[in-house]
PDB file of N, CA and C in Angstrom:
ATOM      1  N   MET A   1       8.302  -3.484 -17.015  1.00  0.00           N
ATOM      2  CA  MET A   1       7.990  -2.201 -16.423  1.00  0.00           C
ATOM      3  C   MET A   1       7.226  -2.367 -15.108  1.00  0.00           C
ATOM      4  N   LYS A   2       6.436  -3.419 -15.029  1.00  0.00           N
ATOM      5  CA  LYS A   2       5.647  -3.665 -13.827  1.00  0.00           C
ATOM      6  C   LYS A   2       6.556  -3.785 -12.602  1.00  0.00           C
ATOM      7  N   GLU A   3       7.639  -4.515 -12.741  1.00  0.00           N
ATOM      8  CA  GLU A   3       8.550  -4.726 -11.623  1.00  0.00           C
ATOM      9  C   GLU A   3       9.212  -3.418 -11.188  1.00  0.00           C
ATOM     10  N   LEU A   4       9.570  -2.586 -12.147  1.00  0.00           N
ATOM     11  CA  LEU A   4      10.214  -1.307 -11.848  1.00  0.00           C
ATOM     12  C   LEU A   4       9.286  -0.405 -11.046  1.00  0.00           C
ATOM     13  N   VAL A   5       8.047  -0.284 -11.479  1.00  0.00           N
ATOM     14  CA  VAL A   5       7.068   0.545 -10.768  1.00  0.00           C
ATOM     15  C   VAL A   5       6.820  -0.009  -9.369  1.00  0.00           C
ATOM     16  N   GLU A   6       6.760  -1.321  -9.261  1.00  0.00           N
ATOM     17  CA  GLU A   6       6.513  -1.953  -7.961  1.00  0.00           C
ATOM     18  C   GLU A   6       7.657  -1.682  -6.982  1.00  0.00           C
ATOM     19  N   VAL A   7       8.892  -1.789  -7.434  1.00  0.00           N
ATOM     20  CA  VAL A   7      10.046  -1.541  -6.568  1.00  0.00           C
ATOM     21  C   VAL A   7      10.069  -0.089  -6.100  1.00  0.00           C
ATOM     22  N   ILE A   8       9.829   0.832  -7.016  1.00  0.00           N
ATOM     23  CA  ILE A   8       9.829   2.254  -6.654  1.00  0.00           C
ATOM     24  C   ILE A   8       8.718   2.557  -5.655  1.00  0.00           C
ATOM     25  N   ALA A   9       7.519   2.057  -5.918  1.00  0.00           N
ATOM     26  CA  ALA A   9       6.376   2.339  -5.047  1.00  0.00           C
ATOM     27  C   ALA A   9       6.568   1.747  -3.660  1.00  0.00           C
ATOM     28  N   LYS A  10       7.068   0.528  -3.583  1.00  0.00           N
ATOM     29  CA  LYS A  10       7.253  -0.106  -2.275  1.00  0.00           C
ATOM     30  C   LYS A  10       8.296   0.618  -1.438  1.00  0.00           C
ATOM     31  N   ALA A  11       9.256   1.256  -2.084  1.00  0.00           N
ATOM     32  CA  ALA A  11      10.267   2.022  -1.356  1.00  0.00           C
ATOM     33  C   ALA A  11       9.695   3.320  -0.799  1.00  0.00           C
ATOM     34  N   LEU A  12       8.627   3.822  -1.372  1.00  0.00           N
ATOM     35  CA  LEU A  12       8.060   5.109  -0.966  1.00  0.00           C
ATOM     36  C   LEU A  12       7.005   5.012   0.133  1.00  0.00           C
ATOM     37  N   VAL A  13       6.252   3.929   0.167  1.00  0.00           N
ATOM     38  CA  VAL A  13       5.060   3.864   1.022  1.00  0.00           C
ATOM     39  C   VAL A  13       5.357   3.258   2.393  1.00  0.00           C
ATOM     40  N   ASP A  14       4.412   3.462   3.330  1.00  0.00           N
ATOM     41  CA  ASP A  14       4.498   2.870   4.659  1.00  0.00           C
ATOM     42  C   ASP A  14       3.942   1.453   4.687  1.00  0.00           C
ATOM     43  N   ASN A  15       3.018   1.150   3.774  1.00  0.00           N
ATOM     44  CA  ASN A  15       2.388  -0.169   3.715  1.00  0.00           C
ATOM     45  C   ASN A  15       2.753  -0.861   2.392  1.00  0.00           C
ATOM     46  N   PRO A  16       3.961  -1.411   2.276  1.00  0.00           N
ATOM     47  CA  PRO A  16       4.362  -2.023   1.002  1.00  0.00           C
ATOM     48  C   PRO A  16       3.563  -3.272   0.643  1.00  0.00           C
ATOM     49  N   ASP A  17       2.890  -3.875   1.628  1.00  0.00           N
ATOM     50  CA  ASP A  17       2.083  -5.065   1.346  1.00  0.00           C
ATOM     51  C   ASP A  17       0.834  -4.723   0.540  1.00  0.00           C
ATOM     52  N   GLU A  18       0.412  -3.474   0.586  1.00  0.00           N
ATOM     53  CA  GLU A  18      -0.811  -3.071  -0.105  1.00  0.00           C
ATOM     54  C   GLU A  18      -0.550  -2.504  -1.505  1.00  0.00           C
ATOM     55  N   VAL A  19       0.681  -2.550  -1.962  1.00  0.00           N
ATOM     56  CA  VAL A  19       1.014  -2.069  -3.302  1.00  0.00           C
ATOM     57  C   VAL A  19       0.675  -3.158  -4.314  1.00  0.00           C
ATOM     58  N   VAL A  20      -0.167  -2.808  -5.281  1.00  0.00           N
ATOM     59  CA  VAL A  20      -0.545  -3.738  -6.346  1.00  0.00           C
ATOM     60  C   VAL A  20      -0.307  -3.049  -7.679  1.00  0.00           C
ATOM     61  N   VAL A  21       0.428  -3.725  -8.553  1.00  0.00           N
ATOM     62  CA  VAL A  21       0.730  -3.163  -9.865  1.00  0.00           C
ATOM     63  C   VAL A  21       0.201  -4.124 -10.921  1.00  0.00           C
ATOM     64  N   THR A  22      -0.597  -3.595 -11.857  1.00  0.00           N
ATOM     65  CA  THR A  22      -1.094  -4.400 -12.965  1.00  0.00           C
ATOM     66  C   THR A  22      -0.579  -3.811 -14.262  1.00  0.00           C
ATOM     67  N   GLU A  23      -0.416  -4.667 -15.250  1.00  0.00           N
ATOM     68  CA  GLU A  23       0.131  -4.240 -16.534  1.00  0.00           C
ATOM     69  C   GLU A  23      -0.758  -4.767 -17.648  1.00  0.00           C
ATOM     70  N   LYS A  24      -1.156  -3.883 -18.548  1.00  0.00           N
ATOM     71  CA  LYS A  24      -1.992  -4.257 -19.688  1.00  0.00           C
ATOM     72  C   LYS A  24      -1.256  -3.874 -20.968  1.00  0.00           C
ATOM     73  N   LYS A  25      -1.066  -4.839 -21.847  1.00  0.00           N
ATOM     74  CA  LYS A  25      -0.347  -4.581 -23.095  1.00  0.00           C
ATOM     75  C   LYS A  25      -1.321  -4.528 -24.254  1.00  0.00           C
ATOM     76  N   ASP A  26      -1.070  -3.586 -25.140  1.00  0.00           N
ATOM     77  CA  ASP A  26      -1.882  -3.440 -26.346  1.00  0.00           C
ATOM     78  C   ASP A  26      -0.936  -3.051 -27.474  1.00  0.00           C
ATOM     79  N   GLY A  27      -0.359  -4.042 -28.124  1.00  0.00           N
ATOM     80  CA  GLY A  27       0.612  -3.755 -29.176  1.00  0.00           C
ATOM     81  C   GLY A  27       1.875  -3.169 -28.584  1.00  0.00           C
ATOM     82  N   ARG A  28       2.234  -1.964 -29.016  1.00  0.00           N
ATOM     83  CA  ARG A  28       3.417  -1.281 -28.483  1.00  0.00           C
ATOM     84  C   ARG A  28       3.089  -0.384 -27.305  1.00  0.00           C
ATOM     85  N   ASN A  29       1.835  -0.332 -26.916  1.00  0.00           N
ATOM     86  CA  ASN A  29       1.417   0.475 -25.768  1.00  0.00           C
ATOM     87  C   ASN A  29       1.271  -0.405 -24.535  1.00  0.00           C
ATOM     88  N   VAL A  30       1.785   0.065 -23.425  1.00  0.00           N
ATOM     89  CA  VAL A  30       1.678  -0.644 -22.156  1.00  0.00           C
ATOM     90  C   VAL A  30       1.087   0.321 -21.137  1.00  0.00           C
ATOM     91  N   LYS A  31       0.070  -0.140 -20.428  1.00  0.00           N
ATOM     92  CA  LYS A  31      -0.548   0.671 -19.384  1.00  0.00           C
ATOM     93  C   LYS A  31      -0.275   0.003 -18.045  1.00  0.00           C
ATOM     94  N   VAL A  32       0.414   0.713 -17.169  1.00  0.00           N
ATOM     95  CA  VAL A  32       0.748   0.205 -15.844  1.00  0.00           C
ATOM     96  C   VAL A  32      -0.116   0.948 -14.844  1.00  0.00           C
ATOM     97  N   GLU A  33      -0.873   0.187 -14.041  1.00  0.00           N
ATOM     98  CA  GLU A  33      -1.744   0.779 -13.026  1.00  0.00           C
ATOM     99  C   GLU A  33      -1.177   0.470 -11.653  1.00  0.00           C
ATOM    100  N   LEU A  34      -1.012   1.500 -10.843  1.00  0.00           N
ATOM    101  CA  LEU A  34      -0.455   1.373  -9.497  1.00  0.00           C
ATOM    102  C   LEU A  34      -1.553   1.630  -8.482  1.00  0.00           C
ATOM    103  N   HIS A  35      -1.813   0.648  -7.635  1.00  0.00           N
ATOM    104  CA  HIS A  35      -2.801   0.774  -6.568  1.00  0.00           C
ATOM    105  C   HIS A  35      -2.063   0.774  -5.244  1.00  0.00           C
ATOM    106  N   VAL A  36      -2.292   1.791  -4.416  1.00  0.00           N
ATOM    107  CA  VAL A  36      -1.686   1.875  -3.084  1.00  0.00           C
ATOM    108  C   VAL A  36      -2.778   2.135  -2.058  1.00  0.00           C
ATOM    109  N   ALA A  37      -2.424   2.000  -0.790  1.00  0.00           N
ATOM    110  CA  ALA A  37      -3.368   2.290   0.292  1.00  0.00           C
ATOM    111  C   ALA A  37      -3.718   3.776   0.266  1.00  0.00           C
ATOM    112  N   PRO A  38      -4.946   4.122   0.635  1.00  0.00           N
ATOM    113  CA  PRO A  38      -5.336   5.537   0.621  1.00  0.00           C
ATOM    114  C   PRO A  38      -4.420   6.429   1.461  1.00  0.00           C
ATOM    115  N   ALA A  39      -3.890   5.901   2.547  1.00  0.00           N
ATOM    116  CA  ALA A  39      -2.998   6.694   3.399  1.00  0.00           C
ATOM    117  C   ALA A  39      -1.657   6.977   2.725  1.00  0.00           C
ATOM    118  N   ASP A  40      -1.270   6.148   1.775  1.00  0.00           N
ATOM    119  CA  ASP A  40       0.017   6.298   1.088  1.00  0.00           C
ATOM    120  C   ASP A  40      -0.079   7.063  -0.225  1.00  0.00           C
ATOM    121  N   MET A  41      -1.265   7.459  -0.602  1.00  0.00           N
ATOM    122  CA  MET A  41      -1.458   8.122  -1.891  1.00  0.00           C
ATOM    123  C   MET A  41      -0.619   9.397  -2.008  1.00  0.00           C
ATOM    124  N   GLY A  42      -0.565  10.179  -0.969  1.00  0.00           N
ATOM    125  CA  GLY A  42       0.202  11.424  -0.993  1.00  0.00           C
ATOM    126  C   GLY A  42       1.691  11.188  -1.141  1.00  0.00           C
ATOM    127  N   LYS A  43       2.185  10.104  -0.585  1.00  0.00           N
ATOM    128  CA  LYS A  43       3.608   9.803  -0.684  1.00  0.00           C
ATOM    129  C   LYS A  43       3.998   9.384  -2.088  1.00  0.00           C
ATOM    130  N   VAL A  44       3.098   8.730  -2.790  1.00  0.00           N
ATOM    131  CA  VAL A  44       3.384   8.286  -4.150  1.00  0.00           C
ATOM    132  C   VAL A  44       3.250   9.447  -5.132  1.00  0.00           C
ATOM    133  N   ILE A  45       2.309  10.338  -4.891  1.00  0.00           N
ATOM    134  CA  ILE A  45       2.108  11.482  -5.788  1.00  0.00           C
ATOM    135  C   ILE A  45       3.113  12.580  -5.498  1.00  0.00           C
ATOM    136  N   GLY A  46       3.325  12.886  -4.238  1.00  0.00           N
ATOM    137  CA  GLY A  46       4.295  13.916  -3.865  1.00  0.00           C
ATOM    138  C   GLY A  46       3.723  15.311  -3.994  1.00  0.00           C
ATOM    139  N   LYS A  47       4.504  16.276  -3.539  1.00  0.00           N
ATOM    140  CA  LYS A  47       4.090  17.671  -3.593  1.00  0.00           C
ATOM    141  C   LYS A  47       4.020  18.118  -5.041  1.00  0.00           C
ATOM    142  N   GLN A  48       2.857  18.618  -5.426  1.00  0.00           N
ATOM    143  CA  GLN A  48       2.596  19.087  -6.786  1.00  0.00           C
ATOM    144  C   GLN A  48       2.877  18.011  -7.830  1.00  0.00           C
ATOM    145  N   GLY A  49       2.787  16.730  -7.434  1.00  0.00           N
ATOM    146  CA  GLY A  49       2.946  15.629  -8.377  1.00  0.00           C
ATOM    147  C   GLY A  49       4.379  15.343  -8.796  1.00  0.00           C
ATOM    148  N   ARG A  50       5.331  15.839  -8.040  1.00  0.00           N
ATOM    149  CA  ARG A  50       6.739  15.690  -8.440  1.00  0.00           C
ATOM    150  C   ARG A  50       7.221  14.250  -8.408  1.00  0.00           C
ATOM    151  N   ILE A  51       6.827  13.485  -7.389  1.00  0.00           N
ATOM    152  CA  ILE A  51       7.277  12.098  -7.301  1.00  0.00           C
ATOM    153  C   ILE A  51       6.624  11.264  -8.400  1.00  0.00           C
ATOM    154  N   ALA A  52       5.343  11.490  -8.653  1.00  0.00           N
ATOM    155  CA  ALA A  52       4.657  10.772  -9.720  1.00  0.00           C
ATOM    156  C   ALA A  52       5.292  11.088 -11.075  1.00  0.00           C
ATOM    157  N   LYS A  53       5.622  12.334 -11.295  1.00  0.00           N
ATOM    158  CA  LYS A  53       6.262  12.735 -12.557  1.00  0.00           C
ATOM    159  C   LYS A  53       7.638  12.089 -12.694  1.00  0.00           C
ATOM    160  N   ALA A  54       8.394  12.052 -11.589  1.00  0.00           N
ATOM    161  CA  ALA A  54       9.718  11.428 -11.625  1.00  0.00           C
ATOM    162  C   ALA A  54       9.607   9.932 -11.905  1.00  0.00           C
ATOM    163  N   MET A  55       8.612   9.283 -11.313  1.00  0.00           N
ATOM    164  CA  MET A  55       8.405   7.854 -11.551  1.00  0.00           C
ATOM    165  C   MET A  55       8.075   7.595 -13.017  1.00  0.00           C
ATOM    166  N   ARG A  56       7.226   8.428 -13.580  1.00  0.00           N
ATOM    167  CA  ARG A  56       6.871   8.279 -14.993  1.00  0.00           C
ATOM    168  C   ARG A  56       8.080   8.516 -15.897  1.00  0.00           C
ATOM    169  N   THR A  57       8.938   9.459 -15.530  1.00  0.00           N
ATOM    170  CA  THR A  57      10.136   9.743 -16.309  1.00  0.00           C
ATOM    171  C   THR A  57      11.089   8.557 -16.296  1.00  0.00           C
ATOM    172  N   VAL A  58      11.275   7.938 -15.140  1.00  0.00           N
ATOM    173  CA  VAL A  58      12.159   6.775 -15.037  1.00  0.00           C
ATOM    174  C   VAL A  58      11.623   5.610 -15.858  1.00  0.00           C
ATOM    175  N   VAL A  59      10.325   5.371 -15.775  1.00  0.00           N
ATOM    176  CA  VAL A  59       9.721   4.278 -16.528  1.00  0.00           C
ATOM    177  C   VAL A  59       9.813   4.548 -18.029  1.00  0.00           C
ATOM    178  N   LYS A  60       9.588   5.789 -18.427  1.00  0.00           N
ATOM    179  CA  LYS A  60       9.695   6.149 -19.840  1.00  0.00           C
ATOM    180  C   LYS A  60      11.116   5.935 -20.352  1.00  0.00           C
ATOM    181  N   ALA A  61      12.108   6.320 -19.546  1.00  0.00           N
ATOM    182  CA  ALA A  61      13.499   6.125 -19.943  1.00  0.00           C
ATOM    183  C   ALA A  61      13.839   4.641 -20.048  1.00  0.00           C
ATOM    184  N   ALA A  62      13.309   3.842 -19.154  1.00  0.00           N
ATOM    185  CA  ALA A  62      13.573   2.402 -19.192  1.00  0.00           C
ATOM    186  C   ALA A  62      12.910   1.731 -20.387  1.00  0.00           C
ATOM    187  N   SER A  63      11.825   2.311 -20.886  1.00  0.00           N
ATOM    188  CA  SER A  63      11.104   1.690 -22.005  1.00  0.00           C
ATOM    189  C   SER A  63      11.651   2.107 -23.367  1.00  0.00           C
ATOM    190  N   LEU A  64      12.595   3.027 -23.405  1.00  0.00           N
ATOM    191  CA  LEU A  64      13.129   3.473 -24.689  1.00  0.00           C
ATOM    192  C   LEU A  64      13.823   2.350 -25.457  1.00  0.00           C
ATOM    193  N   GLY A  65      14.462   1.433 -24.761  1.00  0.00           N
ATOM    194  CA  GLY A  65      15.138   0.321 -25.421  1.00  0.00           C
ATOM    195  C   GLY A  65      14.165  -0.635 -26.077  1.00  0.00           C
ATOM    196  N   ASP A  66      12.965  -0.771 -25.517  1.00  0.00           N
ATOM    197  CA  ASP A  66      11.945  -1.664 -26.060  1.00  0.00           C
ATOM    198  C   ASP A  66      11.123  -1.013 -27.164  1.00  0.00           C
ATOM    199  N   LYS A  67      11.266   0.303 -27.306  1.00  0.00           N
ATOM    200  CA  LYS A  67      10.472   1.086 -28.264  1.00  0.00           C
ATOM    201  C   LYS A  67       8.979   0.909 -28.020  1.00  0.00           C
ATOM    202  N   THR A  68       8.605   0.922 -26.743  1.00  0.00           N
ATOM    203  CA  THR A  68       7.201   0.856 -26.368  1.00  0.00           C
ATOM    204  C   THR A  68       6.817   2.137 -25.655  1.00  0.00           C
ATOM    205  N   LYS A  69       5.534   2.449 -25.677  1.00  0.00           N
ATOM    206  CA  LYS A  69       5.014   3.615 -24.966  1.00  0.00           C
ATOM    207  C   LYS A  69       4.363   3.122 -23.684  1.00  0.00           C
ATOM    208  N   VAL A  70       4.838   3.635 -22.559  1.00  0.00           N
ATOM    209  CA  VAL A  70       4.342   3.192 -21.256  1.00  0.00           C
ATOM    210  C   VAL A  70       3.637   4.342 -20.567  1.00  0.00           C
ATOM    211  N   ASP A  71       2.413   4.079 -20.102  1.00  0.00           N
ATOM    212  CA  ASP A  71       1.641   5.035 -19.319  1.00  0.00           C
ATOM    213  C   ASP A  71       1.526   4.494 -17.907  1.00  0.00           C
ATOM    214  N   VAL A  72       1.814   5.309 -16.911  1.00  0.00           N
ATOM    215  CA  VAL A  72       1.693   4.916 -15.510  1.00  0.00           C
ATOM    216  C   VAL A  72       0.527   5.685 -14.910  1.00  0.00           C
ATOM    217  N   ASP A  73      -0.464   4.949 -14.423  1.00  0.00           N
ATOM    218  CA  ASP A  73      -1.634   5.536 -13.772  1.00  0.00           C
ATOM    219  C   ASP A  73      -1.620   5.166 -12.304  1.00  0.00           C
ATOM    220  N   ILE A  74      -1.803   6.150 -11.452  1.00  0.00           N
ATOM    221  CA  ILE A  74      -1.877   5.913 -10.015  1.00  0.00           C
ATOM    222  C   ILE A  74      -3.332   5.950  -9.615  1.00  0.00           C
ATOM    223  N   ILE A  75      -3.797   4.831  -9.081  1.00  0.00           N
ATOM    224  CA  ILE A  75      -5.228   4.688  -8.758  1.00  0.00           C
ATOM    225  C   ILE A  75      -5.374   4.477  -7.266  1.00  0.00           C
TER     226      ILE A  75
END
């Protein structure tokens, strides 16, 4: 899941070098944290959070085969 979030985020931002994605596993739960430059925060979140919601939906759909619960946090 880390790679998927990283690819999506790097495609959205102006500073792809500053995108950092960390992944923490706890049993069947996975927490993915996305760190971007402050100037790119709006591009990752989108208007009314639409891009962030779409990113979470894609990651959730990709994790259905693994039967894991994935949370994506934008920091």
